[in-house]
C-alpha atoms as a PDB file:
ATOM      1  CA  UNK A   1      -0.115 -25.583  15.701  1.00  0.00           C
ATOM      2  CA  UNK A   2       0.558 -22.515  13.573  1.00  0.00           C
ATOM      3  CA  UNK A   3      -2.187 -21.675  11.116  1.00  0.00           C
ATOM      4  CA  UNK A   4      -1.489 -22.083   7.452  1.00  0.00           C
ATOM      5  CA  UNK A   5      -1.407 -18.805   5.544  1.00  0.00           C
ATOM      6  CA  UNK A   6      -3.750 -18.521   2.587  1.00  0.00           C
ATOM      7  CA  UNK A   7      -1.560 -17.765  -0.403  1.00  0.00           C
ATOM      8  CA  UNK A   8      -3.023 -16.360  -3.613  1.00  0.00           C
ATOM      9  CA  UNK A   9      -0.011 -16.799  -5.873  1.00  0.00           C
ATOM     10  CA  UNK A  10       3.601 -17.953  -5.688  1.00  0.00           C
ATOM     11  CA  UNK A  11       6.260 -16.732  -8.106  1.00  0.00           C
ATOM     12  CA  UNK A  12       8.857 -19.440  -8.725  1.00  0.00           C
ATOM     13  CA  UNK A  13      11.866 -17.711 -10.265  1.00  0.00           C
ATOM     14  CA  UNK A  14      13.983 -20.107 -12.300  1.00  0.00           C
ATOM     15  CA  UNK A  15      13.227 -23.542 -13.683  1.00  0.00           C
ATOM     16  CA  UNK A  16      16.330 -25.640 -13.237  1.00  0.00           C
ATOM     17  CA  UNK A  17      16.210 -29.030 -11.529  1.00  0.00           C
ATOM     18  CA  UNK A  18      15.450 -27.672  -8.041  1.00  0.00           C
ATOM     19  CA  UNK A  19      13.061 -24.975  -9.246  1.00  0.00           C
ATOM     20  CA  UNK A  20      11.178 -27.474 -11.368  1.00  0.00           C
ATOM     21  CA  UNK A  21      10.810 -29.831  -8.393  1.00  0.00           C
ATOM     22  CA  UNK A  22       9.446 -27.040  -6.174  1.00  0.00           C
ATOM     23  CA  UNK A  23       7.078 -25.773  -8.862  1.00  0.00           C
ATOM     24  CA  UNK A  24       5.642 -29.224  -9.554  1.00  0.00           C
ATOM     25  CA  UNK A  25       5.350 -30.171  -5.886  1.00  0.00           C
ATOM     26  CA  UNK A  26       3.628 -26.926  -4.908  1.00  0.00           C
ATOM     27  CA  UNK A  27       1.305 -27.065  -7.891  1.00  0.00           C
ATOM     28  CA  UNK A  28       0.384 -30.677  -7.157  1.00  0.00           C
ATOM     29  CA  UNK A  29      -0.484 -29.582  -3.613  1.00  0.00           C
ATOM     30  CA  UNK A  30      -2.942 -27.015  -4.934  1.00  0.00           C
ATOM     31  CA  UNK A  31      -0.921 -23.794  -4.969  1.00  0.00           C
ATOM     32  CA  UNK A  32      -1.242 -21.228  -7.745  1.00  0.00           C
ATOM     33  CA  UNK A  33       2.193 -21.005  -9.389  1.00  0.00           C
ATOM     34  CA  UNK A  34       3.532 -18.454 -11.832  1.00  0.00           C
ATOM     35  CA  UNK A  35       6.942 -19.214 -13.339  1.00  0.00           C
ATOM     36  CA  UNK A  36       9.262 -16.222 -13.673  1.00  0.00           C
ATOM     37  CA  UNK A  37      11.879 -16.534 -16.419  1.00  0.00           C
ATOM     38  CA  UNK A  38      13.845 -14.296 -18.784  1.00  0.00           C
ATOM     39  CA  UNK A  39      11.976 -13.872 -22.112  1.00  0.00           C
ATOM     40  CA  UNK A  40      14.431 -16.006 -24.123  1.00  0.00           C
ATOM     41  CA  UNK A  41      15.016 -18.687 -21.504  1.00  0.00           C
ATOM     42  CA  UNK A  42      15.218 -22.251 -22.826  1.00  0.00           C
ATOM     43  CA  UNK A  43      13.347 -23.326 -19.700  1.00  0.00           C
ATOM     44  CA  UNK A  44      10.104 -21.742 -20.939  1.00  0.00           C
ATOM     45  CA  UNK A  45       9.498 -24.671 -23.274  1.00  0.00           C
ATOM     46  CA  UNK A  46      10.151 -27.182 -20.476  1.00  0.00           C
ATOM     47  CA  UNK A  47       7.784 -25.374 -18.104  1.00  0.00           C
ATOM     48  CA  UNK A  48       5.053 -25.364 -20.731  1.00  0.00           C
ATOM     49  CA  UNK A  49       5.644 -29.052 -21.385  1.00  0.00           C
ATOM     50  CA  UNK A  50       5.170 -29.639 -17.660  1.00  0.00           C
ATOM     51  CA  UNK A  51       1.749 -27.994 -17.846  1.00  0.00           C
ATOM     52  CA  UNK A  52       2.510 -24.491 -16.544  1.00  0.00           C
ATOM     53  CA  UNK A  53       0.445 -22.001 -18.509  1.00  0.00           C
ATOM     54  CA  UNK A  54       1.315 -18.888 -16.521  1.00  0.00           C
ATOM     55  CA  UNK A  55       4.903 -18.015 -17.403  1.00  0.00           C
ATOM     56  CA  UNK A  56       6.013 -14.398 -17.214  1.00  0.00           C
ATOM     57  CA  UNK A  57       9.046 -12.150 -17.158  1.00  0.00           C
ATOM     58  CA  UNK A  58      10.637 -12.100 -13.704  1.00  0.00           C
ATOM     59  CA  UNK A  59       9.482  -8.547 -12.941  1.00  0.00           C
ATOM     60  CA  UNK A  60       5.875  -9.352 -13.859  1.00  0.00           C
ATOM     61  CA  UNK A  61       5.884 -12.561 -11.835  1.00  0.00           C
ATOM     62  CA  UNK A  62       7.173 -10.676  -8.778  1.00  0.00           C
ATOM     63  CA  UNK A  63       4.568  -7.930  -9.177  1.00  0.00           C
ATOM     64  CA  UNK A  64       1.719 -10.445  -9.329  1.00  0.00           C
ATOM     65  CA  UNK A  65       2.718 -12.646  -6.379  1.00  0.00           C
ATOM     66  CA  UNK A  66       2.472 -12.912  -2.605  1.00  0.00           C
ATOM     67  CA  UNK A  67       5.542 -15.136  -2.311  1.00  0.00           C
ATOM     68  CA  UNK A  68       8.707 -14.975  -4.397  1.00  0.00           C
ATOM     69  CA  UNK A  69      10.952 -18.046  -4.404  1.00  0.00           C
ATOM     70  CA  UNK A  70      14.589 -17.624  -5.459  1.00  0.00           C
ATOM     71  CA  UNK A  71      15.110 -20.862  -7.388  1.00  0.00           C
ATOM     72  CA  UNK A  72      17.604 -19.546  -9.940  1.00  0.00           C
ATOM     73  CA  UNK A  73      21.431 -19.819  -9.666  1.00  0.00           C
ATOM     74  CA  UNK A  74      23.092 -18.051  -6.727  1.00  0.00           C
ATOM     75  CA  UNK A  75      25.599 -16.165  -8.873  1.00  0.00           C
ATOM     76  CA  UNK A  76      22.725 -14.333 -10.608  1.00  0.00           C
ATOM     77  CA  UNK A  77      20.821 -13.317  -7.462  1.00  0.00           C
ATOM     78  CA  UNK A  78      22.422  -9.901  -7.028  1.00  0.00           C
ATOM     79  CA  UNK A  79      21.972  -8.735 -10.631  1.00  0.00           C
ATOM     80  CA  UNK A  80      18.443 -10.077 -11.049  1.00  0.00           C
ATOM     81  CA  UNK A  81      17.326  -8.788  -7.646  1.00  0.00           C
ATOM     82  CA  UNK A  82      18.422  -5.206  -8.322  1.00  0.00           C
ATOM     83  CA  UNK A  83      16.936  -5.049 -11.808  1.00  0.00           C
ATOM     84  CA  UNK A  84      13.876  -7.296 -11.848  1.00  0.00           C
ATOM     85  CA  UNK A  85      12.819  -8.007  -8.251  1.00  0.00           C
ATOM     86  CA  UNK A  86      13.395  -5.149  -5.821  1.00  0.00           C
ATOM     87  CA  UNK A  87      11.602  -2.431  -7.885  1.00  0.00           C
ATOM     88  CA  UNK A  88       8.488  -4.635  -8.133  1.00  0.00           C
ATOM     89  CA  UNK A  89       8.204  -5.958  -4.571  1.00  0.00           C
ATOM     90  CA  UNK A  90       5.070  -5.315  -2.577  1.00  0.00           C
ATOM     91  CA  UNK A  91       5.317  -4.587   1.146  1.00  0.00           C
ATOM     92  CA  UNK A  92       3.678  -7.870   2.124  1.00  0.00           C
ATOM     93  CA  UNK A  93       5.582 -10.066  -0.330  1.00  0.00           C
ATOM     94  CA  UNK A  94       7.526 -12.897   1.306  1.00  0.00           C
ATOM     95  CA  UNK A  95      10.952 -13.772  -0.097  1.00  0.00           C
ATOM     96  CA  UNK A  96      11.981 -17.427   0.102  1.00  0.00           C
ATOM     97  CA  UNK A  97      15.541 -18.609  -0.415  1.00  0.00           C
ATOM     98  CA  UNK A  98      16.625 -22.186  -1.113  1.00  0.00           C
ATOM     99  CA  UNK A  99      20.145 -21.390   0.056  1.00  0.00           C
ATOM    100  CA  UNK A 100      21.562 -18.840   2.490  1.00  0.00           C
ATOM    101  CA  UNK A 101      24.355 -17.751   0.145  1.00  0.00           C
ATOM    102  CA  UNK A 102      23.066 -14.442  -1.206  1.00  0.00           C
ATOM    103  CA  UNK A 103      21.625 -13.329   2.142  1.00  0.00           C
ATOM    104  CA  UNK A 104      24.731 -14.143   4.165  1.00  0.00           C
ATOM    105  CA  UNK A 105      27.164 -12.633   1.669  1.00  0.00           C
ATOM    106  CA  UNK A 106      24.788  -9.717   1.055  1.00  0.00           C
ATOM    107  CA  UNK A 107      24.530  -9.962  -2.718  1.00  0.00           C
ATOM    108  CA  UNK A 108      20.825  -9.521  -1.938  1.00  0.00           C
ATOM    109  CA  UNK A 109      19.785  -7.054   0.786  1.00  0.00           C
ATOM    110  CA  UNK A 110      15.976  -7.202   1.069  1.00  0.00           C
ATOM    111  CA  UNK A 111      13.872  -4.347   2.493  1.00  0.00           C
ATOM    112  CA  UNK A 112      13.092  -4.589   6.208  1.00  0.00           C
ATOM    113  CA  UNK A 113       9.362  -4.553   5.446  1.00  0.00           C
ATOM    114  CA  UNK A 114       9.392  -8.003   3.810  1.00  0.00           C
ATOM    115  CA  UNK A 115       9.367 -11.420   5.458  1.00  0.00           C
ATOM    116  CA  UNK A 116      12.439 -13.523   4.649  1.00  0.00           C
ATOM    117  CA  UNK A 117      12.417 -17.323   4.885  1.00  0.00           C
ATOM    118  CA  UNK A 118      15.146 -19.879   4.274  1.00  0.00           C
ATOM    119  CA  UNK A 119      13.965 -23.351   3.270  1.00  0.00           C
ATOM    120  CA  UNK A 120      16.900 -25.365   1.959  1.00  0.00           C
ATOM    121  CA  UNK A 121      16.462 -28.974   0.776  1.00  0.00           C
ATOM    122  CA  UNK A 122      19.203 -31.428   1.660  1.00  0.00           C
ATOM    123  CA  UNK A 123      18.991 -33.053  -1.749  1.00  0.00           C
ATOM    124  CA  UNK A 124      19.205 -32.209  -5.465  1.00  0.00           C
ATOM    125  CA  UNK A 125      16.040 -31.317  -7.331  1.00  0.00           C
ATOM    126  CA  UNK A 126      15.534 -34.749  -8.872  1.00  0.00           C
ATOM    127  CA  UNK A 127      15.431 -36.367  -5.421  1.00  0.00           C
ATOM    128  CA  UNK A 128      13.128 -33.634  -4.080  1.00  0.00           C
ATOM    129  CA  UNK A 129      10.589 -34.423  -6.800  1.00  0.00           C
ATOM    130  CA  UNK A 130      10.937 -38.218  -6.694  1.00  0.00           C
ATOM    131  CA  UNK A 131      10.645 -38.352  -2.916  1.00  0.00           C
ATOM    132  CA  UNK A 132       7.573 -36.090  -2.978  1.00  0.00           C
ATOM    133  CA  UNK A 133       5.882 -38.502  -5.371  1.00  0.00           C
ATOM    134  CA  UNK A 134       6.835 -41.423  -3.114  1.00  0.00           C
ATOM    135  CA  UNK A 135       5.531 -39.471  -0.091  1.00  0.00           C
ATOM    136  CA  UNK A 136       9.000 -39.771   1.472  1.00  0.00           C
ATOM    137  CA  UNK A 137      10.161 -36.141   1.485  1.00  0.00           C
ATOM    138  CA  UNK A 138      13.797 -35.209   1.959  1.00  0.00           C
ATOM    139  CA  UNK A 139      15.049 -33.200   4.920  1.00  0.00           C
ATOM    140  CA  UNK A 140      15.186 -29.406   4.868  1.00  0.00           C
ATOM    141  CA  UNK A 141      17.065 -26.742   6.778  1.00  0.00           C
ATOM    142  CA  UNK A 142      14.805 -23.817   7.683  1.00  0.00           C
ATOM    143  CA  UNK A 143      15.045 -20.385   9.231  1.00  0.00           C
ATOM    144  CA  UNK A 144      12.732 -17.431   9.599  1.00  0.00           C
ATOM    145  CA  UNK A 145      15.396 -14.866   8.828  1.00  0.00           C
ATOM    146  CA  UNK A 146      13.097 -11.862   9.181  1.00  0.00           C
ATOM    147  CA  UNK A 147       9.482 -11.636  10.299  1.00  0.00           C
ATOM    148  CA  UNK A 148       8.302  -8.148   9.397  1.00  0.00           C
ATOM    149  CA  UNK A 149       4.583  -8.885   9.184  1.00  0.00           C
ATOM    150  CA  UNK A 150       4.115 -11.408  11.990  1.00  0.00           C
ATOM    151  CA  UNK A 151       2.939 -13.949   9.401  1.00  0.00           C
ATOM    152  CA  UNK A 152       6.254 -15.559   8.458  1.00  0.00           C
ATOM    153  CA  UNK A 153       5.588 -18.718  10.508  1.00  0.00           C
ATOM    154  CA  UNK A 154       2.192 -19.164   8.890  1.00  0.00           C
ATOM    155  CA  UNK A 155       3.758 -18.747   5.458  1.00  0.00           C
ATOM    156  CA  UNK A 156       6.447 -21.286   6.317  1.00  0.00           C
ATOM    157  CA  UNK A 157       3.746 -23.731   7.445  1.00  0.00           C
ATOM    158  CA  UNK A 158       1.947 -23.344   4.105  1.00  0.00           C
ATOM    159  CA  UNK A 159       5.137 -24.035   2.174  1.00  0.00           C
ATOM    160  CA  UNK A 160       5.993 -27.038   4.351  1.00  0.00           C
ATOM    161  CA  UNK A 161       2.560 -28.520   3.720  1.00  0.00           C
ATOM    162  CA  UNK A 162       2.700 -27.649   0.027  1.00  0.00           C
ATOM    163  CA  UNK A 163       6.044 -29.357  -0.406  1.00  0.00           C
ATOM    164  CA  UNK A 164       4.838 -32.401   1.521  1.00  0.00           C
ATOM    165  CA  UNK A 165       7.553 -32.065   4.155  1.00  0.00           C
ATOM    166  CA  UNK A 166       7.282 -34.121   7.333  1.00  0.00           C
ATOM    167  CA  UNK A 167       8.030 -31.836  10.277  1.00  0.00           C
ATOM    168  CA  UNK A 168      10.408 -34.485  11.613  1.00  0.00           C
ATOM    169  CA  UNK A 169      12.534 -33.766   8.550  1.00  0.00           C
ATOM    170  CA  UNK A 170      12.932 -30.077   9.400  1.00  0.00           C
ATOM    171  CA  UNK A 171      16.202 -28.862  10.951  1.00  0.00           C
ATOM    172  CA  UNK A 172      16.266 -25.307  12.284  1.00  0.00           C
ATOM    173  CA  UNK A 173      19.355 -23.303  11.403  1.00  0.00           C
ATOM    174  CA  UNK A 174      20.507 -19.777  10.611  1.00  0.00           C
ATOM    175  CA  UNK A 175      21.305 -18.252   7.252  1.00  0.00           C
ATOM    176  CA  UNK A 176      24.995 -18.021   8.192  1.00  0.00           C
ATOM    177  CA  UNK A 177      25.243 -21.660   9.314  1.00  0.00           C
ATOM    178  CA  UNK A 178      23.457 -22.963   6.233  1.00  0.00           C
ATOM    179  CA  UNK A 179      25.488 -20.848   3.812  1.00  0.00           C
ATOM    180  CA  UNK A 180      28.899 -21.699   5.258  1.00  0.00           C
ATOM    181  CA  UNK A 181      28.125 -25.351   5.944  1.00  0.00           C
ATOM    182  CA  UNK A 182      26.545 -26.022   2.566  1.00  0.00           C
ATOM    183  CA  UNK A 183      29.273 -24.368   0.515  1.00  0.00           C
ATOM    184  CA  UNK A 184      32.072 -26.051   2.467  1.00  0.00           C
ATOM    185  CA  UNK A 185      30.357 -29.453   2.453  1.00  0.00           C
ATOM    186  CA  UNK A 186      29.840 -29.541  -1.303  1.00  0.00           C
ATOM    187  CA  UNK A 187      33.325 -28.209  -2.085  1.00  0.00           C
ATOM    188  CA  UNK A 188      35.474 -30.155   0.367  1.00  0.00           C
ATOM    189  CA  UNK A 189      33.569 -33.418   0.757  1.00  0.00           C
ATOM    190  CA  UNK A 190      30.304 -34.203  -1.039  1.00  0.00           C
ATOM    191  CA  UNK A 191      31.069 -33.052  -4.584  1.00  0.00           C
ATOM    192  CA  UNK A 192      34.571 -31.660  -5.031  1.00  0.00           C
ATOM    193  CA  UNK A 193      36.457 -33.764  -2.505  1.00  0.00           C
ATOM    194  CA  UNK A 194      34.593 -37.008  -3.116  1.00  0.00           C
ATOM    195  CA  UNK A 195      34.788 -36.847  -6.909  1.00  0.00           C
ATOM    196  CA  UNK A 196      38.528 -36.226  -6.795  1.00  0.00           C
ATOM    197  CA  UNK A 197      39.059 -39.051  -4.272  1.00  0.00           C
ATOM    198  CA  UNK A 198      37.111 -41.446  -6.507  1.00  0.00           C
ATOM    199  CA  UNK A 199      38.985 -40.348  -9.622  1.00  0.00           C
ATOM    200  CA  UNK A 200      42.372 -40.686  -7.898  1.00  0.00           C
ATOM    201  CA  UNK A 201      41.511 -44.224  -6.793  1.00  0.00           C
ATOM    202  CA  UNK A 202      40.231 -45.105 -10.257  1.00  0.00           C
ATOM    203  CA  UNK A 203      43.371 -43.789 -11.965  1.00  0.00           C
ATOM    204  CA  UNK A 204      45.603 -45.679  -9.516  1.00  0.00           C
ATOM    205  CA  UNK A 205      43.912 -49.003 -10.290  1.00  0.00           C
ATOM    206  CA  UNK A 206      43.836 -48.430 -14.055  1.00  0.00           C
ATOM    207  CA  UNK A 207      47.536 -47.516 -14.059  1.00  0.00           C
ATOM    208  CA  UNK A 208      48.169 -50.743 -12.129  1.00  0.00           C
ATOM    209  CA  UNK A 209      46.558 -52.767 -14.923  1.00  0.00           C
ATOM    210  CA  UNK A 210      42.890 -53.149 -13.929  1.00  0.00           C
ATOM    211  CA  UNK A 211      40.288 -52.574 -16.608  1.00  0.00           C
ATOM    212  CA  UNK A 212      38.253 -49.369 -16.539  1.00  0.00           C
ATOM    213  CA  UNK A 213      35.092 -51.282 -15.609  1.00  0.00           C
ATOM    214  CA  UNK A 214      36.664 -53.159 -12.704  1.00  0.00           C
ATOM    215  CA  UNK A 215      38.340 -50.024 -11.377  1.00  0.00           C
ATOM    216  CA  UNK A 216      35.025 -48.148 -11.519  1.00  0.00           C
ATOM    217  CA  UNK A 217      33.187 -50.947  -9.725  1.00  0.00           C
ATOM    218  CA  UNK A 218      35.771 -51.021  -6.933  1.00  0.00           C
ATOM    219  CA  UNK A 219      36.035 -47.298  -6.160  1.00  0.00           C
ATOM    220  CA  UNK A 220      32.678 -45.782  -7.195  1.00  0.00           C
ATOM    221  CA  UNK A 221      29.847 -48.241  -7.762  1.00  0.00           C
ATOM    222  CA  UNK A 222      29.428 -49.249  -4.112  1.00  0.00           C
ATOM    223  CA  UNK A 223      29.620 -45.779  -2.567  1.00  0.00           C
ATOM    224  CA  UNK A 224      25.862 -45.463  -2.072  1.00  0.00           C
ATOM    225  CA  UNK A 225      25.881 -48.665   0.001  1.00  0.00           C
ATOM    226  CA  UNK A 226      28.604 -47.351   2.314  1.00  0.00           C
ATOM    227  CA  UNK A 227      26.880 -43.969   2.596  1.00  0.00           C
ATOM    228  CA  UNK A 228      23.607 -45.650   3.549  1.00  0.00           C
ATOM    229  CA  UNK A 229      25.399 -47.550   6.325  1.00  0.00           C
ATOM    230  CA  UNK A 230      26.928 -44.305   7.620  1.00  0.00           C
ATOM    231  CA  UNK A 231      23.548 -42.540   7.514  1.00  0.00           C
ATOM    232  CA  UNK A 232      21.907 -45.368   9.444  1.00  0.00           C
ATOM    233  CA  UNK A 233      24.642 -46.314  11.905  1.00  0.00           C
ATOM    234  CA  UNK A 234      27.375 -43.645  11.862  1.00  0.00           C
ATOM    235  CA  UNK A 235      31.009 -44.167  10.857  1.00  0.00           C
ATOM    236  CA  UNK A 236      31.723 -46.589  13.696  1.00  0.00           C
ATOM    237  CA  UNK A 237      28.553 -48.521  12.902  1.00  0.00           C
ATOM    238  CA  UNK A 238      29.524 -48.732   9.241  1.00  0.00           C
ATOM    239  CA  UNK A 239      32.995 -50.047  10.090  1.00  0.00           C
ATOM    240  CA  UNK A 240      31.491 -52.724  12.315  1.00  0.00           C
ATOM    241  CA  UNK A 241      29.208 -53.883   9.510  1.00  0.00           C
ATOM    242  CA  UNK A 242      31.791 -54.366   6.774  1.00  0.00           C
ATOM    243  CA  UNK A 243      34.174 -57.310   6.428  1.00  0.00           C
ATOM    244  CA  UNK A 244      37.164 -57.745   8.746  1.00  0.00           C
ATOM    245  CA  UNK A 245      39.422 -57.267   5.727  1.00  0.00           C
ATOM    246  CA  UNK A 246      37.774 -53.956   4.851  1.00  0.00           C
ATOM    247  CA  UNK A 247      37.783 -52.849   8.489  1.00  0.00           C
ATOM    248  CA  UNK A 248      41.491 -53.564   9.031  1.00  0.00           C
ATOM    249  CA  UNK A 249      42.391 -51.941   5.712  1.00  0.00           C
ATOM    250  CA  UNK A 250      40.319 -48.862   6.547  1.00  0.00           C
ATOM    251  CA  UNK A 251      42.121 -48.391   9.856  1.00  0.00           C
ATOM    252  CA  UNK A 252      45.540 -48.873   8.278  1.00  0.00           C
ATOM    253  CA  UNK A 253      45.063 -46.717   5.181  1.00  0.00           C
ATOM    254  CA  UNK A 254      42.257 -44.226   5.744  1.00  0.00           C
ATOM    255  CA  UNK A 255      44.401 -41.708   7.608  1.00  0.00           C
ATOM    256  CA  UNK A 256      47.288 -42.198   5.191  1.00  0.00           C
ATOM    257  CA  UNK A 257      45.060 -40.928   2.400  1.00  0.00           C
ATOM    258  CA  UNK A 258      43.209 -38.236   4.350  1.00  0.00           C
ATOM    259  CA  UNK A 259      46.129 -36.961   6.386  1.00  0.00           C
ATOM    260  CA  UNK A 260      46.954 -33.699   8.151  1.00  0.00           C
ATOM    261  CA  UNK A 261      47.761 -31.988   4.863  1.00  0.00           C
ATOM    262  CA  UNK A 262      44.205 -32.636   3.641  1.00  0.00           C
ATOM    263  CA  UNK A 263      42.747 -31.186   6.826  1.00  0.00           C
ATOM    264  CA  UNK A 264      45.031 -28.183   6.455  1.00  0.00           C
ATOM    265  CA  UNK A 265      43.714 -27.607   2.925  1.00  0.00           C
ATOM    266  CA  UNK A 266      40.143 -27.936   4.198  1.00  0.00           C
ATOM    267  CA  UNK A 267      40.787 -25.147   6.693  1.00  0.00           C
ATOM    268  CA  UNK A 268      42.061 -22.948   3.881  1.00  0.00           C
ATOM    269  CA  UNK A 269      38.962 -23.715   1.802  1.00  0.00           C
ATOM    270  CA  UNK A 270      36.730 -22.773   4.736  1.00  0.00           C
ATOM    271  CA  UNK A 271      38.714 -19.576   5.295  1.00  0.00           C
ATOM    272  CA  UNK A 272      38.167 -18.566   1.652  1.00  0.00           C
ATOM    273  CA  UNK A 273      34.446 -19.173   2.057  1.00  0.00           C
ATOM    274  CA  UNK A 274      34.158 -17.260   5.345  1.00  0.00           C
ATOM    275  CA  UNK A 275      36.100 -14.268   4.018  1.00  0.00           C
ATOM    276  CA  UNK A 276      33.752 -13.896   1.057  1.00  0.00           C
ATOM    277  CA  UNK A 277      36.502 -14.675  -1.458  1.00  0.00           C
ATOM    278  CA  UNK A 278      34.522 -17.534  -2.983  1.00  0.00           C
ATOM    279  CA  UNK A 279      31.304 -15.465  -2.981  1.00  0.00           C
ATOM    280  CA  UNK A 280      33.014 -12.671  -4.909  1.00  0.00           C
ATOM    281  CA  UNK A 281      34.372 -15.160  -7.413  1.00  0.00           C
ATOM    282  CA  UNK A 282      30.942 -16.734  -7.871  1.00  0.00           C
ATOM    283  CA  UNK A 283      29.214 -13.373  -8.269  1.00  0.00           C
ATOM    284  CA  UNK A 284      31.678 -12.376 -11.021  1.00  0.00           C
ATOM    285  CA  UNK A 285      30.786 -15.324 -13.273  1.00  0.00           C
ATOM    286  CA  UNK A 286      29.769 -14.384 -16.802  1.00  0.00           C
ATOM    287  CA  UNK A 287      29.008 -16.386 -19.955  1.00  0.00           C
ATOM    288  CA  UNK A 288      32.689 -16.674 -20.882  1.00  0.00           C
ATOM    289  CA  UNK A 289      33.697 -17.952 -17.449  1.00  0.00           C
ATOM    290  CA  UNK A 290      30.774 -20.418 -17.459  1.00  0.00           C
ATOM    291  CA  UNK A 291      32.056 -21.873 -20.733  1.00  0.00           C
ATOM    292  CA  UNK A 292      35.479 -22.267 -19.126  1.00  0.00           C
ATOM    293  CA  UNK A 293      33.782 -23.968 -16.195  1.00  0.00           C
ATOM    294  CA  UNK A 294      32.205 -26.515 -18.541  1.00  0.00           C
ATOM    295  CA  UNK A 295      35.651 -27.304 -19.966  1.00  0.00           C
ATOM    296  CA  UNK A 296      37.109 -27.679 -16.469  1.00  0.00           C
ATOM    297  CA  UNK A 297      34.285 -30.027 -15.477  1.00  0.00           C
ATOM    298  CA  UNK A 298      35.080 -32.312 -18.403  1.00  0.00           C
ATOM    299  CA  UNK A 299      38.734 -32.411 -17.353  1.00  0.00           C
ATOM    300  CA  UNK A 300      37.825 -33.496 -13.803  1.00  0.00           C
ATOM    301  CA  UNK A 301      36.785 -36.877 -15.170  1.00  0.00           C
ATOM    302  CA  UNK A 302      37.814 -39.019 -18.158  1.00  0.00           C
ATOM    303  CA  UNK A 303      36.088 -40.616 -21.123  1.00  0.00           C
ATOM    304  CA  UNK A 304      36.809 -44.126 -19.840  1.00  0.00           C
ATOM    305  CA  UNK A 305      35.430 -43.416 -16.359  1.00  0.00           C
ATOM    306  CA  UNK A 306      32.221 -41.882 -17.732  1.00  0.00           C
ATOM    307  CA  UNK A 307      31.776 -44.797 -20.138  1.00  0.00           C
ATOM    308  CA  UNK A 308      32.032 -47.299 -17.273  1.00  0.00           C
ATOM    309  CA  UNK A 309      29.647 -45.229 -15.153  1.00  0.00           C
ATOM    310  CA  UNK A 310      27.012 -45.251 -17.916  1.00  0.00           C
ATOM    311  CA  UNK A 311      27.519 -48.979 -18.460  1.00  0.00           C
ATOM    312  CA  UNK A 312      26.618 -49.863 -14.886  1.00  0.00           C
ATOM    313  CA  UNK A 313      24.121 -47.049 -14.232  1.00  0.00           C
ATOM    314  CA  UNK A 314      21.026 -49.245 -14.463  1.00  0.00           C
ATOM    315  CA  UNK A 315      22.376 -52.310 -12.626  1.00  0.00           C
END
């Protein structure tokens, strides 16, 4: 068993959903947390409301800490690192990343004298916090990307214990594997692909005369039940546990919907990710492009779909 490293202070940079979950979980486990945020950040008020008294500018938080956790958006890593992190790093400071993106695509190039750890939750921040409170922690990918001091494993052990992670829920990986797999998975399947598949099915039923509510219930409401079956029993196991009607229909129509053209597009998406094209696009985001992104997000759904989703959210 690797000894737990005694940590004096952890700087948690950012306070979005995932950062908030990490900060609360680590604090509740007894760690000394300082929140690093820009001076005018709207998150300062939320952090104070959550009981965090030590909130500082990013540079000050980095200077005062033994561990620095990158919990702010990936597209800001490069800019913030160069200006507010790198000049204030101590030689023995450990850098912890929740995603391999900025390391793999080299928007952040840390000094060789610092330990680098990847600890990536396989869940959004809300689930990370809720599962911690239920003592049923989510799974995490992990990697000791660089062990300059010989203490990286001990530091990782301290974080694992602080986050309440069961070691059975840890999956070893590399920064490259996590970065490429995570970005592709969320774009092609889990978020981008799935949302568009649901919306296409919804629109098809509504255009055929079904009400918005019934269409929503048929193509979206039951997804978590199917996913749970897949997680427990695999795809084959899921198919064997649904009705004969659903099983026959799945075999007849599944490959008509997700055909060779879809797989061809997936390969192109992965190629864009591997080449760094997507990383460059993400790193170039500014306030204007983020506003355009918000508009595009609204267009991916519809008022009627969102209304039905809210209607059945608590059932």
